[in-house]
Amino acid sequence: MERLSQFVRSQIAPFCPASGAALSQDARPTPAFEPEPSQSRLPRLAPGSLVGIASLDASTFPLHEQIVHFGRRAQAMGVETLLVIPLFLGQGTHVMEDIPAALCMAQRELPALALNLTPHLGVHPGLQTLLHRRLETTSSHSWILLAHGSRRRASNAAIETLAKSLGGTAAYWSHAPRDRKSTRL
């Protein structure tokens, strides 16, 4: 996750000249993958954006405490709004319940900071294209889309649809769909 955070920062850095002046749209470098603006349901990061990471399961502190800590740091830098982008493929329990609950708890401790939850990564219209491009660079004849899985059937169905659309097989780390056979690692 830290590597992803560093990558996002590196993509924003060219947009943040030392003088503080904004680059014109024409002067901005083109990223390796950028969907049409009208297609994207995820927000575009503004120049000077602060980027951080938080985790539901891999941290000593609960998610809401991580958000509060980052939020206080952001407020000290003059930030008024935080966008929270869940890096999940499907609408499982974490996306539908755990993250919104943590944001509500954090919001109570950060009343002057707007905490905005964006759609999860799995709904981004460019995700399938990005994965397809990545698969084209591999020499494998078959592949597995490994997902955490969810007790929510609709979430797992979305994973299986994505895997099938790319010619792969869905496998689940934790929760396999209950109504059909699936690979479980």
N, C-alpha and C. Protein backbone atom coordinates (compact mmCIF):
# COMPACT_ATOMS: atom_id res chain seq x y z
N MET A 1 0.82 -1.19 0.00
CA MET A 1 0.00 0.00 0.00
C MET A 1 0.87 1.26 0.00
N GLU A 2 1.97 1.18 0.73
CA GLU A 2 2.86 2.35 0.75
C GLU A 2 3.42 2.61 -0.64
N ARG A 3 3.75 1.55 -1.38
CA ARG A 3 4.24 1.73 -2.74
C ARG A 3 3.18 2.37 -3.63
N LEU A 4 1.93 1.98 -3.45
CA LEU A 4 0.85 2.59 -4.22
C LEU A 4 0.72 4.07 -3.87
N SER A 5 0.80 4.37 -2.59
CA SER A 5 0.73 5.76 -2.14
C SER A 5 1.87 6.58 -2.74
N GLN A 6 3.08 6.02 -2.75
CA GLN A 6 4.22 6.72 -3.34
C GLN A 6 4.02 6.92 -4.84
N PHE A 7 3.44 5.92 -5.52
CA PHE A 7 3.19 6.05 -6.95
C PHE A 7 2.20 7.18 -7.21
N VAL A 8 1.12 7.23 -6.44
CA VAL A 8 0.13 8.31 -6.63
C VAL A 8 0.80 9.66 -6.40
N ARG A 9 1.61 9.76 -5.34
CA ARG A 9 2.34 11.01 -5.09
C ARG A 9 3.22 11.39 -6.27
N SER A 10 3.90 10.40 -6.85
CA SER A 10 4.79 10.68 -7.98
C SER A 10 4.02 11.16 -9.20
N GLN A 11 2.79 10.69 -9.36
CA GLN A 11 1.97 11.12 -10.49
C GLN A 11 1.43 12.53 -10.28
N ILE A 12 1.29 12.94 -9.02
CA ILE A 12 0.80 14.27 -8.70
C ILE A 12 1.96 15.27 -8.74
N ALA A 13 3.16 14.84 -8.37
CA ALA A 13 4.31 15.74 -8.26
C ALA A 13 4.53 16.62 -9.49
N PRO A 14 4.43 16.10 -10.73
CA PRO A 14 4.64 16.98 -11.89
C PRO A 14 3.62 18.11 -11.97
N PHE A 15 2.50 17.97 -11.27
CA PHE A 15 1.46 18.98 -11.31
C PHE A 15 1.68 20.06 -10.25
N CYS A 16 2.72 19.89 -9.44
CA CYS A 16 2.95 20.80 -8.30
C CYS A 16 4.31 21.47 -8.41
N PRO A 17 4.46 22.46 -9.26
CA PRO A 17 5.76 23.12 -9.39
C PRO A 17 6.15 23.81 -8.09
N ALA A 18 7.45 23.94 -7.89
CA ALA A 18 7.96 24.54 -6.65
C ALA A 18 7.46 25.97 -6.45
N SER A 19 7.18 26.67 -7.54
CA SER A 19 6.72 28.05 -7.42
C SER A 19 5.30 28.14 -6.88
N GLY A 20 4.58 27.01 -6.90
CA GLY A 20 3.20 27.02 -6.44
C GLY A 20 2.24 27.40 -7.55
N ALA A 21 2.75 27.78 -8.72
CA ALA A 21 1.86 28.13 -9.83
C ALA A 21 1.33 26.85 -10.47
N ALA A 22 0.09 26.87 -10.85
CA ALA A 22 -0.51 25.69 -11.48
C ALA A 22 -0.03 25.58 -12.92
N LEU A 23 0.21 24.34 -13.36
CA LEU A 23 0.57 24.11 -14.75
C LEU A 23 -0.69 24.17 -15.60
N SER A 24 -0.57 24.64 -16.83
CA SER A 24 -1.73 24.63 -17.72
C SER A 24 -2.04 23.19 -18.09
N GLN A 25 -3.25 22.94 -18.52
CA GLN A 25 -3.67 21.59 -18.91
C GLN A 25 -2.75 21.05 -20.00
N ASP A 26 -2.35 21.90 -20.95
CA ASP A 26 -1.50 21.48 -22.05
C ASP A 26 -0.10 21.09 -21.59
N ALA A 27 0.37 21.66 -20.50
CA ALA A 27 1.73 21.42 -20.04
C ALA A 27 1.82 20.16 -19.18
N ARG A 28 0.69 19.58 -18.81
CA ARG A 28 0.71 18.42 -17.93
C ARG A 28 1.07 17.16 -18.70
N PRO A 29 1.92 16.30 -18.09
CA PRO A 29 2.27 15.05 -18.75
C PRO A 29 1.06 14.12 -18.80
N THR A 30 1.01 13.26 -19.79
CA THR A 30 -0.09 12.31 -19.91
C THR A 30 0.27 11.05 -19.13
N PRO A 31 -0.59 10.63 -18.17
CA PRO A 31 -0.31 9.41 -17.43
C PRO A 31 -0.42 8.19 -18.34
N ALA A 32 0.13 7.06 -17.88
CA ALA A 32 0.10 5.83 -18.65
C ALA A 32 -1.32 5.36 -18.90
N PHE A 33 -2.22 5.60 -17.97
CA PHE A 33 -3.61 5.21 -18.15
C PHE A 33 -4.49 6.30 -17.60
N GLU A 34 -5.35 6.81 -18.42
CA GLU A 34 -6.28 7.85 -17.97
C GLU A 34 -7.59 7.68 -18.72
N PRO A 35 -8.69 7.31 -18.02
CA PRO A 35 -9.97 7.17 -18.70
C PRO A 35 -10.50 8.53 -19.13
N GLU A 36 -11.47 8.50 -20.00
CA GLU A 36 -12.13 9.74 -20.39
C GLU A 36 -12.72 10.37 -19.14
N PRO A 37 -12.58 11.69 -18.94
CA PRO A 37 -13.10 12.33 -17.74
C PRO A 37 -14.58 12.07 -17.51
N SER A 38 -15.36 12.00 -18.58
CA SER A 38 -16.79 11.78 -18.42
C SER A 38 -17.10 10.37 -17.94
N GLN A 39 -16.17 9.42 -18.11
CA GLN A 39 -16.40 8.04 -17.71
C GLN A 39 -16.03 7.80 -16.24
N SER A 40 -15.13 8.54 -15.71
CA SER A 40 -14.61 8.27 -14.38
C SER A 40 -15.61 8.66 -13.29
N ARG A 41 -15.83 7.72 -12.36
CA ARG A 41 -16.68 8.00 -11.21
C ARG A 41 -15.81 8.29 -9.99
N LEU A 42 -14.51 8.12 -10.13
CA LEU A 42 -13.59 8.44 -9.05
C LEU A 42 -13.06 9.85 -9.28
N PRO A 43 -12.79 10.59 -8.20
CA PRO A 43 -12.35 11.98 -8.37
C PRO A 43 -10.92 12.07 -8.89
N ARG A 44 -10.64 13.15 -9.57
CA ARG A 44 -9.28 13.45 -10.00
C ARG A 44 -8.61 14.21 -8.85
N LEU A 45 -7.36 13.89 -8.59
CA LEU A 45 -6.65 14.57 -7.52
C LEU A 45 -6.19 15.93 -7.98
N ALA A 46 -6.33 16.89 -7.13
CA ALA A 46 -5.93 18.26 -7.44
C ALA A 46 -4.44 18.45 -7.15
N PRO A 47 -3.82 19.40 -7.81
CA PRO A 47 -2.41 19.70 -7.51
C PRO A 47 -2.23 19.98 -6.02
N GLY A 48 -1.14 19.50 -5.47
CA GLY A 48 -0.86 19.73 -4.06
C GLY A 48 -1.60 18.77 -3.13
N SER A 49 -2.24 17.74 -3.70
CA SER A 49 -3.01 16.81 -2.88
C SER A 49 -2.10 16.05 -1.91
N LEU A 50 -2.61 15.82 -0.74
CA LEU A 50 -1.96 15.02 0.28
C LEU A 50 -2.47 13.60 0.11
N VAL A 51 -1.58 12.62 0.08
CA VAL A 51 -1.97 11.24 -0.15
C VAL A 51 -1.55 10.40 1.05
N GLY A 52 -2.45 9.57 1.53
CA GLY A 52 -2.14 8.69 2.65
C GLY A 52 -2.84 7.36 2.47
N ILE A 53 -2.52 6.43 3.34
CA ILE A 53 -3.14 5.11 3.30
C ILE A 53 -3.69 4.77 4.68
N ALA A 54 -4.68 3.90 4.67
CA ALA A 54 -5.24 3.38 5.91
C ALA A 54 -5.68 1.95 5.62
N SER A 55 -5.81 1.16 6.65
CA SER A 55 -6.12 -0.25 6.47
C SER A 55 -7.15 -0.71 7.48
N LEU A 56 -8.03 -1.58 7.04
CA LEU A 56 -9.02 -2.16 7.95
C LEU A 56 -8.41 -3.29 8.79
N ASP A 57 -7.62 -4.14 8.16
CA ASP A 57 -7.16 -5.35 8.82
C ASP A 57 -5.67 -5.40 9.14
N ALA A 58 -4.87 -4.57 8.53
CA ALA A 58 -3.42 -4.70 8.66
C ALA A 58 -2.80 -3.55 9.45
N SER A 59 -3.51 -3.07 10.45
CA SER A 59 -2.99 -1.96 11.24
C SER A 59 -3.21 -2.21 12.72
N THR A 60 -2.35 -1.61 13.52
CA THR A 60 -2.50 -1.70 14.98
C THR A 60 -3.70 -0.90 15.45
N PHE A 61 -4.03 0.17 14.71
CA PHE A 61 -5.11 1.06 15.10
C PHE A 61 -6.36 0.84 14.25
N PRO A 62 -7.53 1.01 14.84
CA PRO A 62 -8.76 0.90 14.05
C PRO A 62 -8.80 1.94 12.93
N LEU A 63 -9.56 1.65 11.90
CA LEU A 63 -9.62 2.52 10.73
C LEU A 63 -10.00 3.95 11.10
N HIS A 64 -10.99 4.13 11.95
CA HIS A 64 -11.41 5.50 12.27
C HIS A 64 -10.29 6.29 12.94
N GLU A 65 -9.45 5.64 13.75
CA GLU A 65 -8.32 6.33 14.38
C GLU A 65 -7.27 6.71 13.34
N GLN A 66 -7.05 5.86 12.35
CA GLN A 66 -6.12 6.18 11.28
C GLN A 66 -6.60 7.40 10.49
N ILE A 67 -7.92 7.44 10.24
CA ILE A 67 -8.50 8.57 9.50
C ILE A 67 -8.37 9.85 10.32
N VAL A 68 -8.64 9.76 11.61
CA VAL A 68 -8.53 10.94 12.48
C VAL A 68 -7.09 11.45 12.50
N HIS A 69 -6.13 10.56 12.65
CA HIS A 69 -4.72 10.96 12.67
C HIS A 69 -4.34 11.67 11.37
N PHE A 70 -4.68 11.07 10.25
CA PHE A 70 -4.37 11.67 8.95
C PHE A 70 -5.14 12.98 8.77
N GLY A 71 -6.40 12.98 9.20
CA GLY A 71 -7.23 14.18 9.08
C GLY A 71 -6.67 15.36 9.85
N ARG A 72 -6.17 15.11 11.05
CA ARG A 72 -5.58 16.20 11.84
C ARG A 72 -4.34 16.75 11.16
N ARG A 73 -3.54 15.86 10.60
CA ARG A 73 -2.35 16.28 9.86
C ARG A 73 -2.75 17.11 8.64
N ALA A 74 -3.77 16.66 7.94
CA ALA A 74 -4.25 17.37 6.76
C ALA A 74 -4.81 18.75 7.13
N GLN A 75 -5.57 18.81 8.22
CA GLN A 75 -6.11 20.10 8.67
C GLN A 75 -5.00 21.08 9.01
N ALA A 76 -3.93 20.58 9.63
CA ALA A 76 -2.80 21.45 9.98
C ALA A 76 -2.14 22.02 8.73
N MET A 77 -2.33 21.35 7.59
CA MET A 77 -1.77 21.82 6.32
C MET A 77 -2.79 22.65 5.53
N GLY A 78 -3.95 22.90 6.14
CA GLY A 78 -4.95 23.73 5.49
C GLY A 78 -5.97 22.99 4.65
N VAL A 79 -5.97 21.68 4.71
CA VAL A 79 -6.92 20.88 3.93
C VAL A 79 -8.30 20.97 4.57
N GLU A 80 -9.33 21.10 3.75
CA GLU A 80 -10.70 21.20 4.25
C GLU A 80 -11.55 19.98 3.93
N THR A 81 -11.10 19.15 2.96
CA THR A 81 -11.87 17.98 2.53
C THR A 81 -10.94 16.79 2.31
N LEU A 82 -11.33 15.64 2.82
CA LEU A 82 -10.63 14.39 2.54
C LEU A 82 -11.51 13.52 1.67
N LEU A 83 -10.93 12.96 0.62
CA LEU A 83 -11.61 11.98 -0.21
C LEU A 83 -11.09 10.61 0.17
N VAL A 84 -11.97 9.71 0.48
CA VAL A 84 -11.61 8.35 0.85
C VAL A 84 -12.01 7.44 -0.30
N ILE A 85 -11.02 6.79 -0.91
CA ILE A 85 -11.25 5.92 -2.06
C ILE A 85 -10.99 4.48 -1.63
N PRO A 86 -12.04 3.68 -1.45
CA PRO A 86 -11.85 2.27 -1.06
C PRO A 86 -11.24 1.47 -2.21
N LEU A 87 -10.12 0.83 -1.95
CA LEU A 87 -9.44 0.03 -2.97
C LEU A 87 -9.95 -1.41 -2.91
N PHE A 88 -11.20 -1.57 -3.24
CA PHE A 88 -11.87 -2.87 -3.25
C PHE A 88 -12.50 -3.08 -4.62
N LEU A 89 -12.51 -4.34 -5.07
CA LEU A 89 -13.14 -4.64 -6.35
C LEU A 89 -14.65 -4.73 -6.25
N GLY A 90 -15.18 -5.19 -5.12
CA GLY A 90 -16.61 -5.39 -4.99
C GLY A 90 -17.22 -4.67 -3.81
N GLN A 91 -18.54 -4.74 -3.73
CA GLN A 91 -19.29 -4.08 -2.66
C GLN A 91 -19.55 -5.06 -1.52
N GLY A 92 -18.48 -5.49 -0.90
CA GLY A 92 -18.60 -6.40 0.24
C GLY A 92 -18.87 -5.64 1.52
N THR A 93 -18.78 -6.34 2.63
CA THR A 93 -19.07 -5.78 3.94
C THR A 93 -18.17 -4.60 4.28
N HIS A 94 -16.91 -4.66 3.91
CA HIS A 94 -16.00 -3.54 4.20
C HIS A 94 -16.48 -2.27 3.50
N VAL A 95 -16.83 -2.37 2.23
CA VAL A 95 -17.25 -1.20 1.46
C VAL A 95 -18.62 -0.69 1.91
N MET A 96 -19.54 -1.62 2.16
CA MET A 96 -20.92 -1.22 2.45
C MET A 96 -21.17 -0.88 3.92
N GLU A 97 -20.35 -1.43 4.83
CA GLU A 97 -20.62 -1.23 6.25
C GLU A 97 -19.43 -0.68 7.04
N ASP A 98 -18.29 -1.37 6.96
CA ASP A 98 -17.15 -1.05 7.82
C ASP A 98 -16.56 0.34 7.54
N ILE A 99 -16.33 0.65 6.29
CA ILE A 99 -15.74 1.96 5.97
C ILE A 99 -16.70 3.10 6.29
N PRO A 100 -17.98 3.02 5.88
CA PRO A 100 -18.89 4.11 6.26
C PRO A 100 -19.00 4.29 7.78
N ALA A 101 -18.99 3.20 8.54
CA ALA A 101 -19.06 3.30 10.00
C ALA A 101 -17.81 4.00 10.55
N ALA A 102 -16.64 3.64 10.03
CA ALA A 102 -15.40 4.27 10.49
C ALA A 102 -15.39 5.76 10.14
N LEU A 103 -15.90 6.11 8.96
CA LEU A 103 -15.96 7.53 8.58
C LEU A 103 -16.90 8.31 9.49
N CYS A 104 -18.01 7.71 9.88
CA CYS A 104 -18.94 8.38 10.81
C CYS A 104 -18.26 8.64 12.15
N MET A 105 -17.53 7.66 12.65
CA MET A 105 -16.83 7.83 13.93
C MET A 105 -15.75 8.91 13.79
N ALA A 106 -15.00 8.89 12.70
CA ALA A 106 -13.94 9.88 12.49
C ALA A 106 -14.53 11.28 12.32
N GLN A 107 -15.66 11.37 11.64
CA GLN A 107 -16.29 12.67 11.41
C GLN A 107 -16.66 13.34 12.72
N ARG A 108 -17.06 12.56 13.71
CA ARG A 108 -17.40 13.13 15.02
C ARG A 108 -16.18 13.78 15.67
N GLU A 109 -15.00 13.25 15.41
CA GLU A 109 -13.77 13.82 15.98
C GLU A 109 -13.16 14.90 15.10
N LEU A 110 -13.63 15.01 13.86
CA LEU A 110 -13.11 16.00 12.91
C LEU A 110 -14.27 16.80 12.32
N PRO A 111 -15.04 17.50 13.14
CA PRO A 111 -16.25 18.17 12.64
C PRO A 111 -15.98 19.26 11.59
N ALA A 112 -14.81 19.85 11.59
CA ALA A 112 -14.51 20.92 10.63
C ALA A 112 -13.95 20.40 9.31
N LEU A 113 -13.71 19.10 9.23
CA LEU A 113 -13.13 18.50 8.02
C LEU A 113 -14.21 17.68 7.31
N ALA A 114 -14.42 17.94 6.03
CA ALA A 114 -15.38 17.15 5.26
C ALA A 114 -14.74 15.82 4.88
N LEU A 115 -15.37 14.73 5.24
CA LEU A 115 -14.90 13.39 4.87
C LEU A 115 -15.84 12.84 3.81
N ASN A 116 -15.35 12.71 2.60
CA ASN A 116 -16.18 12.27 1.48
C ASN A 116 -15.75 10.88 1.02
N LEU A 117 -16.69 9.97 1.03
CA LEU A 117 -16.45 8.60 0.58
C LEU A 117 -16.78 8.49 -0.90
N THR A 118 -15.81 8.07 -1.70
CA THR A 118 -16.02 7.90 -3.14
C THR A 118 -16.43 6.46 -3.42
N PRO A 119 -16.87 6.18 -4.63
CA PRO A 119 -17.17 4.79 -4.99
C PRO A 119 -15.89 3.94 -4.90
N HIS A 120 -16.07 2.65 -4.65
CA HIS A 120 -14.92 1.75 -4.57
C HIS A 120 -14.29 1.56 -5.95
N LEU A 121 -13.04 1.14 -5.96
CA LEU A 121 -12.25 1.03 -7.18
C LEU A 121 -12.90 0.12 -8.22
N GLY A 122 -13.58 -0.92 -7.79
CA GLY A 122 -14.16 -1.89 -8.71
C GLY A 122 -15.18 -1.33 -9.68
N VAL A 123 -15.76 -0.17 -9.38
CA VAL A 123 -16.75 0.42 -10.29
C VAL A 123 -16.12 1.35 -11.31
N HIS A 124 -14.82 1.57 -11.22
CA HIS A 124 -14.16 2.48 -12.17
C HIS A 124 -14.26 1.87 -13.57
N PRO A 125 -14.77 2.64 -14.54
CA PRO A 125 -14.98 2.10 -15.89
C PRO A 125 -13.69 1.72 -16.61
N GLY A 126 -12.55 2.23 -16.18
CA GLY A 126 -11.29 1.90 -16.84
C GLY A 126 -10.58 0.69 -16.24
N LEU A 127 -11.14 0.11 -15.19
CA LEU A 127 -10.47 -1.01 -14.52
C LEU A 127 -10.27 -2.20 -15.44
N GLN A 128 -11.29 -2.58 -16.18
CA GLN A 128 -11.18 -3.73 -17.07
C GLN A 128 -10.13 -3.49 -18.14
N THR A 129 -10.09 -2.29 -18.69
CA THR A 129 -9.08 -1.95 -19.70
C THR A 129 -7.68 -2.02 -19.12
N LEU A 130 -7.51 -1.48 -17.91
CA LEU A 130 -6.21 -1.50 -17.26
C LEU A 130 -5.74 -2.94 -17.02
N LEU A 131 -6.64 -3.78 -16.51
CA LEU A 131 -6.28 -5.18 -16.27
C LEU A 131 -5.98 -5.90 -17.58
N HIS A 132 -6.76 -5.64 -18.60
CA HIS A 132 -6.53 -6.27 -19.90
C HIS A 132 -5.15 -5.88 -20.45
N ARG A 133 -4.79 -4.61 -20.34
CA ARG A 133 -3.46 -4.17 -20.80
C ARG A 133 -2.36 -4.87 -20.02
N ARG A 134 -2.55 -5.01 -18.73
CA ARG A 134 -1.54 -5.67 -17.89
C ARG A 134 -1.40 -7.13 -18.29
N LEU A 135 -2.52 -7.80 -18.55
CA LEU A 135 -2.47 -9.21 -18.94
C LEU A 135 -1.81 -9.42 -20.29
N GLU A 136 -1.92 -8.44 -21.18
CA GLU A 136 -1.28 -8.55 -22.49
C GLU A 136 0.24 -8.60 -22.38
N THR A 137 0.79 -8.12 -21.27
CA THR A 137 2.25 -8.10 -21.11
C THR A 137 2.78 -9.37 -20.45
N THR A 138 1.90 -10.32 -20.14
CA THR A 138 2.33 -11.56 -19.50
C THR A 138 2.37 -12.68 -20.53
N SER A 139 3.14 -13.71 -20.25
CA SER A 139 3.23 -14.85 -21.16
C SER A 139 2.38 -16.02 -20.67
N SER A 140 1.59 -15.82 -19.66
CA SER A 140 0.75 -16.88 -19.10
C SER A 140 -0.42 -17.19 -20.03
N HIS A 141 -0.79 -18.46 -20.08
CA HIS A 141 -1.92 -18.88 -20.91
C HIS A 141 -3.22 -18.88 -20.12
N SER A 142 -3.12 -18.89 -18.82
CA SER A 142 -4.31 -18.80 -17.97
C SER A 142 -3.94 -18.03 -16.71
N TRP A 143 -4.93 -17.47 -16.07
CA TRP A 143 -4.65 -16.67 -14.88
C TRP A 143 -5.85 -16.68 -13.95
N ILE A 144 -5.58 -16.26 -12.72
CA ILE A 144 -6.61 -16.22 -11.67
C ILE A 144 -6.71 -14.80 -11.13
N LEU A 145 -7.94 -14.30 -11.03
CA LEU A 145 -8.20 -13.03 -10.36
C LEU A 145 -8.46 -13.38 -8.90
N LEU A 146 -7.49 -13.07 -8.05
CA LEU A 146 -7.59 -13.40 -6.63
C LEU A 146 -8.24 -12.24 -5.90
N ALA A 147 -9.34 -12.52 -5.23
CA ALA A 147 -10.07 -11.50 -4.48
C ALA A 147 -10.29 -11.99 -3.06
N HIS A 148 -10.50 -11.04 -2.17
CA HIS A 148 -10.79 -11.38 -0.77
C HIS A 148 -12.07 -12.19 -0.70
N GLY A 149 -13.07 -11.78 -1.44
CA GLY A 149 -14.38 -12.42 -1.39
C GLY A 149 -15.23 -11.78 -0.31
N SER A 150 -16.51 -12.04 -0.38
CA SER A 150 -17.45 -11.42 0.54
C SER A 150 -18.62 -12.35 0.84
N ARG A 151 -19.24 -12.11 1.97
CA ARG A 151 -20.48 -12.82 2.28
C ARG A 151 -21.62 -12.28 1.43
N ARG A 152 -21.42 -11.14 0.80
CA ARG A 152 -22.43 -10.53 -0.07
C ARG A 152 -22.29 -11.12 -1.47
N ARG A 153 -23.31 -11.84 -1.91
CA ARG A 153 -23.27 -12.52 -3.20
C ARG A 153 -23.03 -11.56 -4.37
N ALA A 154 -23.65 -10.39 -4.33
CA ALA A 154 -23.49 -9.43 -5.44
C ALA A 154 -22.04 -9.02 -5.62
N SER A 155 -21.31 -8.89 -4.53
CA SER A 155 -19.90 -8.52 -4.61
C SER A 155 -19.10 -9.61 -5.31
N ASN A 156 -19.33 -10.85 -4.94
CA ASN A 156 -18.61 -11.96 -5.57
C ASN A 156 -19.02 -12.13 -7.03
N ALA A 157 -20.28 -11.87 -7.33
CA ALA A 157 -20.73 -11.97 -8.72
C ALA A 157 -19.98 -10.95 -9.59
N ALA A 158 -19.74 -9.75 -9.07
CA ALA A 158 -19.00 -8.74 -9.82
C ALA A 158 -17.57 -9.20 -10.09
N ILE A 159 -16.95 -9.85 -9.11
CA ILE A 159 -15.58 -10.36 -9.28
C ILE A 159 -15.56 -11.44 -10.36
N GLU A 160 -16.52 -12.34 -10.30
CA GLU A 160 -16.56 -13.43 -11.28
C GLU A 160 -16.85 -12.90 -12.68
N THR A 161 -17.70 -11.89 -12.78
CA THR A 161 -17.98 -11.28 -14.09
C THR A 161 -16.72 -10.64 -14.65
N LEU A 162 -15.98 -9.92 -13.81
CA LEU A 162 -14.74 -9.29 -14.26
C LEU A 162 -13.74 -10.34 -14.71
N ALA A 163 -13.55 -11.39 -13.91
CA ALA A 163 -12.60 -12.45 -14.27
C ALA A 163 -13.00 -13.10 -15.60
N LYS A 164 -14.27 -13.40 -15.75
CA LYS A 164 -14.75 -14.04 -16.97
C LYS A 164 -14.58 -13.13 -18.18
N SER A 165 -14.85 -11.83 -18.01
CA SER A 165 -14.72 -10.89 -19.13
C SER A 165 -13.28 -10.77 -19.61
N LEU A 166 -12.33 -11.10 -18.74
CA LEU A 166 -10.92 -11.04 -19.10
C LEU A 166 -10.34 -12.42 -19.44
N GLY A 167 -11.21 -13.44 -19.45
CA GLY A 167 -10.77 -14.79 -19.79
C GLY A 167 -10.08 -15.52 -18.66
N GLY A 168 -10.34 -15.13 -17.43
CA GLY A 168 -9.70 -15.76 -16.28
C GLY A 168 -10.68 -16.48 -15.38
N THR A 169 -10.17 -16.89 -14.23
CA THR A 169 -10.96 -17.58 -13.22
C THR A 169 -10.89 -16.80 -11.92
N ALA A 170 -12.01 -16.70 -11.24
CA ALA A 170 -12.04 -16.02 -9.94
C ALA A 170 -11.67 -17.01 -8.84
N ALA A 171 -10.87 -16.55 -7.91
CA ALA A 171 -10.52 -17.34 -6.72
C ALA A 171 -10.67 -16.43 -5.52
N TYR A 172 -11.01 -17.02 -4.37
CA TYR A 172 -11.31 -16.22 -3.19
C TYR A 172 -10.41 -16.60 -2.04
N TRP A 173 -9.84 -15.58 -1.43
CA TRP A 173 -8.95 -15.74 -0.30
C TRP A 173 -9.73 -16.13 0.94
N SER A 174 -10.88 -15.52 1.13
CA SER A 174 -11.60 -15.68 2.37
C SER A 174 -13.01 -16.23 2.21
N HIS A 175 -13.83 -15.59 1.39
CA HIS A 175 -15.24 -15.97 1.27
C HIS A 175 -15.59 -16.32 -0.16
N ALA A 176 -15.86 -17.58 -0.42
CA ALA A 176 -16.31 -17.99 -1.74
C ALA A 176 -17.82 -17.81 -1.83
N PRO A 177 -18.34 -17.63 -3.05
CA PRO A 177 -19.80 -17.54 -3.19
C PRO A 177 -20.45 -18.81 -2.69
N ARG A 178 -21.57 -18.69 -2.01
CA ARG A 178 -22.24 -19.84 -1.42
C ARG A 178 -23.07 -20.62 -2.42
N ASP A 179 -23.51 -19.98 -3.48
CA ASP A 179 -24.44 -20.63 -4.39
C ASP A 179 -23.82 -21.30 -5.61
N ARG A 180 -22.50 -21.32 -5.72
CA ARG A 180 -21.85 -21.98 -6.85
C ARG A 180 -20.44 -22.39 -6.47
N LYS A 181 -19.90 -23.33 -7.23
CA LYS A 181 -18.53 -23.77 -6.97
C LYS A 181 -17.55 -22.73 -7.47
N SER A 182 -16.53 -22.48 -6.68
CA SER A 182 -15.46 -21.56 -7.06
C SER A 182 -14.16 -22.07 -6.51
N THR A 183 -13.09 -21.60 -7.10
CA THR A 183 -11.78 -21.94 -6.58
C THR A 183 -11.57 -21.20 -5.28
N ARG A 184 -11.06 -21.86 -4.29
CA ARG A 184 -10.75 -21.19 -3.03
C ARG A 184 -9.32 -21.51 -2.66
N LEU A 185 -8.53 -20.50 -2.44
CA LEU A 185 -7.11 -20.70 -2.10
C LEU A 185 -6.94 -20.75 -0.61
